[in-house]
Amino acid sequence: MMDGQVQSGAIHTTPEVGKTGNPLVIKGVDRIESINLQGEDKRRDAELYTHVLSRVMRRDFNLTSVKLFWFTKGYHRRCRARDLLHDLMGEAERLTDMARPYEMPAGVPAATCTMRIVSDEAELLFDALIKADRALHKLMHSPLAEVAEDNMGPFLRSFTGLRKEVFNYFDDRRPRSGAQEAASE
């Protein structure tokens, strides 16, 4: 490598191309692949029909799964994560109930990708995202299409709450420079 060049991490993409004609990027693959599991290396194919949840899966799933993996090493944190995941699945079920009267439209997924599942909690997250994606897709092709994405609010807020919980845990454990300076005075 020549001086001044920066080596970057590998860019992982889906087999599909986005609207720009370029492959869709999957973030956090290096981080999730760095986890060594003692058991089976489980992977699941995600077929996503909506742009909203395709983006969430490709952008947030791996990093959130990694954070969940470490966050749930403590029993009480695992219980808290399970409660938040139960709430998320409840919101996915609510969307599914709304979409139940409508048929799944024919067509190809907006994106497909294979995701690594590193814990039971990551699998619950994966299932909730897939369930919400299917429901949203059905709603977007129904008489409720005009307000379909508005109905995603509670699901997305629940997802954000889960992410805040597991991400803040790690942020709270890091010493802050201001706190370190105050302690040294």
Protein backbone atom coordinates (compact mmCIF):
# COMPACT_ATOMS: atom_id res chain seq x y z
CA MET A 1 0.00 0.00 0.00
CA MET A 2 1.32 3.44 -0.95
CA ASP A 3 1.71 6.27 1.55
CA GLY A 4 -1.43 8.35 1.93
CA GLN A 5 -3.81 5.58 0.90
CA VAL A 6 -6.44 4.51 3.34
CA GLN A 7 -7.52 0.90 3.44
CA SER A 8 -11.24 0.59 3.97
CA GLY A 9 -13.35 -2.34 5.13
CA ALA A 10 -15.10 -4.58 2.66
CA ILE A 11 -18.37 -3.31 1.26
CA HIS A 12 -21.08 -5.96 1.33
CA THR A 13 -23.95 -5.77 -1.10
CA THR A 14 -27.15 -7.57 -1.99
CA PRO A 15 -27.54 -9.38 -5.31
CA GLU A 16 -30.21 -6.84 -6.30
CA VAL A 17 -29.57 -3.35 -7.53
CA GLY A 18 -31.28 -0.27 -6.22
CA LYS A 19 -32.97 2.50 -8.18
CA THR A 20 -29.55 3.93 -9.02
CA GLY A 21 -28.52 0.69 -10.72
CA ASN A 22 -25.92 -0.01 -8.04
CA PRO A 23 -25.99 -2.99 -5.67
CA LEU A 24 -27.66 -2.30 -2.32
CA VAL A 25 -25.22 -2.03 0.60
CA ILE A 26 -25.53 -4.16 3.73
CA LYS A 27 -23.91 -2.46 6.72
CA GLY A 28 -22.21 -4.06 9.71
CA VAL A 29 -21.31 -7.36 8.04
CA ASP A 30 -17.70 -7.29 9.29
CA ARG A 31 -18.86 -6.67 12.86
CA ILE A 32 -21.43 -9.48 12.90
CA GLU A 33 -19.05 -11.90 11.18
CA SER A 34 -16.42 -11.21 13.88
CA ILE A 35 -18.60 -12.89 16.53
CA ASN A 36 -17.48 -16.43 17.21
CA LEU A 37 -20.37 -18.70 18.12
CA GLN A 38 -19.96 -22.07 19.80
CA GLY A 39 -23.00 -23.62 18.16
CA GLU A 40 -24.48 -23.64 14.72
CA ASP A 41 -23.76 -20.70 12.40
CA LYS A 42 -27.32 -19.75 11.48
CA ARG A 43 -28.22 -17.59 8.51
CA ARG A 44 -31.63 -16.61 7.20
CA ASP A 45 -32.70 -15.20 3.89
CA ALA A 46 -34.62 -11.95 4.08
CA GLU A 47 -36.98 -11.17 1.23
CA LEU A 48 -38.10 -7.60 1.75
CA TYR A 49 -40.88 -5.98 -0.22
CA THR A 50 -40.86 -2.43 1.12
CA HIS A 51 -38.19 0.21 0.82
CA VAL A 52 -38.65 1.23 4.46
CA LEU A 53 -37.94 -2.16 5.98
CA SER A 54 -35.41 -3.18 3.33
CA ARG A 55 -33.40 -0.16 4.39
CA VAL A 56 -33.81 -0.94 8.11
CA MET A 57 -32.71 -4.55 7.57
CA ARG A 58 -29.69 -3.63 5.45
CA ARG A 59 -28.62 -0.61 7.53
CA ASP A 60 -29.51 -1.50 11.13
CA PHE A 61 -30.02 -5.23 11.60
CA ASN A 62 -26.38 -6.35 11.85
CA LEU A 63 -25.25 -3.61 14.22
CA THR A 64 -28.35 -3.98 16.39
CA SER A 65 -27.81 -7.77 16.49
CA VAL A 66 -24.20 -7.31 17.58
CA LYS A 67 -25.25 -4.89 20.33
CA LEU A 68 -28.04 -7.26 21.41
CA PHE A 69 -25.58 -10.16 21.50
CA TRP A 70 -23.37 -8.38 24.04
CA PHE A 71 -26.19 -6.58 25.87
CA THR A 72 -27.98 -9.86 26.65
CA LYS A 73 -24.97 -11.42 28.36
CA GLY A 74 -26.45 -10.17 31.63
CA TYR A 75 -29.63 -11.87 32.85
CA HIS A 76 -31.54 -8.68 33.72
CA ARG A 77 -30.50 -7.00 30.47
CA ARG A 78 -31.61 -10.12 28.56
CA CYS A 79 -35.02 -9.91 30.24
CA ARG A 80 -35.25 -6.21 29.35
CA ALA A 81 -34.28 -6.92 25.72
CA ARG A 82 -36.84 -9.72 25.53
CA ASP A 83 -39.54 -7.35 26.82
CA LEU A 84 -38.62 -4.77 24.17
CA LEU A 85 -38.55 -7.45 21.46
CA HIS A 86 -41.94 -8.71 22.64
CA ASP A 87 -43.27 -5.14 22.27
CA LEU A 88 -41.75 -4.93 18.79
CA MET A 89 -43.33 -8.23 17.77
CA GLY A 90 -46.64 -7.00 19.20
CA GLU A 91 -46.46 -3.98 16.88
CA ALA A 92 -45.63 -6.28 13.95
CA GLU A 93 -48.66 -8.41 14.88
CA ARG A 94 -50.84 -5.28 14.99
CA LEU A 95 -49.76 -4.44 11.43
CA THR A 96 -50.39 -8.04 10.38
CA ASP A 97 -53.90 -7.86 11.82
CA MET A 98 -54.56 -4.65 9.88
CA ALA A 99 -53.31 -6.28 6.66
CA ARG A 100 -55.08 -9.63 7.18
CA PRO A 101 -58.08 -8.81 4.91
CA TYR A 102 -55.77 -8.10 1.96
CA GLU A 103 -53.91 -10.47 -0.36
CA MET A 104 -50.13 -10.44 -0.68
CA PRO A 105 -49.48 -8.72 -4.02
CA ALA A 106 -47.63 -10.68 -6.67
CA GLY A 107 -44.18 -9.42 -7.50
CA VAL A 108 -40.55 -9.72 -6.67
CA PRO A 109 -39.03 -8.45 -3.43
CA ALA A 110 -37.44 -4.99 -3.37
CA ALA A 111 -34.33 -6.61 -1.88
CA THR A 112 -33.10 -9.97 -0.70
CA CYS A 113 -30.17 -10.58 1.56
CA THR A 114 -28.84 -13.31 3.78
CA MET A 115 -28.45 -12.23 7.39
CA ARG A 116 -26.45 -13.93 10.12
CA ILE A 117 -28.39 -14.74 13.27
CA VAL A 118 -26.08 -14.61 16.31
CA SER A 119 -28.63 -15.01 19.12
CA ASP A 120 -32.22 -15.86 19.93
CA GLU A 121 -32.84 -12.14 20.36
CA ALA A 122 -31.46 -11.41 16.89
CA GLU A 123 -33.82 -14.03 15.49
CA LEU A 124 -36.78 -12.38 17.22
CA LEU A 125 -35.72 -9.05 15.72
CA PHE A 126 -35.39 -10.63 12.27
CA ASP A 127 -38.87 -12.20 12.53
CA ALA A 128 -40.45 -8.90 13.62
CA LEU A 129 -38.88 -7.02 10.70
CA ILE A 130 -40.01 -9.63 8.17
CA LYS A 131 -43.54 -9.74 9.59
CA ALA A 132 -43.84 -5.93 9.54
CA ASP A 133 -42.46 -5.79 6.00
CA ARG A 134 -45.06 -8.25 4.68
CA ALA A 135 -47.87 -6.42 6.44
CA LEU A 136 -46.75 -3.01 5.19
CA HIS A 137 -46.45 -4.33 1.63
CA LYS A 138 -50.00 -5.66 1.76
CA LEU A 139 -51.28 -2.38 3.21
CA MET A 140 -49.49 -0.35 0.54
CA HIS A 141 -51.44 -2.30 -2.11
CA SER A 142 -54.80 -1.99 -0.39
CA PRO A 143 -57.48 0.67 0.03
CA LEU A 144 -55.40 1.83 3.03
CA ALA A 145 -52.38 2.61 0.83
CA GLU A 146 -52.58 6.34 1.47
CA VAL A 147 -51.99 5.88 5.19
CA ALA A 148 -50.04 2.60 5.13
CA GLU A 149 -46.68 4.12 6.10
CA ASP A 150 -48.36 6.24 8.80
CA ASN A 151 -49.35 2.98 10.49
CA MET A 152 -45.65 2.07 10.77
CA GLY A 153 -45.10 4.75 13.43
CA PRO A 154 -45.63 2.57 16.51
CA PHE A 155 -43.50 -0.26 15.05
CA LEU A 156 -40.64 2.10 14.17
CA ARG A 157 -40.84 3.81 17.59
CA SER A 158 -40.64 0.40 19.26
CA PHE A 159 -37.62 -0.48 17.11
CA THR A 160 -35.97 2.83 18.01
CA GLY A 161 -36.65 2.19 21.70
CA LEU A 162 -34.95 -1.20 21.50
CA ARG A 163 -31.94 0.32 19.73
CA LYS A 164 -31.69 3.16 22.25
CA GLU A 165 -31.72 0.70 25.15
CA VAL A 166 -28.93 -1.50 23.82
CA PHE A 167 -26.86 1.32 22.32
CA ASN A 168 -27.13 3.59 25.40
CA TYR A 169 -25.94 0.76 27.60
CA PHE A 170 -22.62 0.76 25.77
CA ASP A 171 -22.44 4.56 25.59
CA ASP A 172 -23.11 4.85 29.34
CA ARG A 173 -20.21 2.49 30.08
CA ARG A 174 -17.72 4.65 28.19
CA PRO A 175 -16.09 7.39 30.23
CA ARG A 176 -16.81 10.84 28.88
CA SER A 177 -13.98 13.30 28.56
CA GLY A 178 -15.84 15.96 30.61
CA ALA A 179 -16.50 13.47 33.39
CA GLN A 180 -12.87 12.40 33.40
CA GLU A 181 -11.67 16.00 33.60
CA ALA A 182 -14.09 16.79 36.45
CA ALA A 183 -12.95 13.72 38.36
CA SER A 184 -9.29 14.67 38.04
CA GLU A 185 -9.80 18.21 39.44
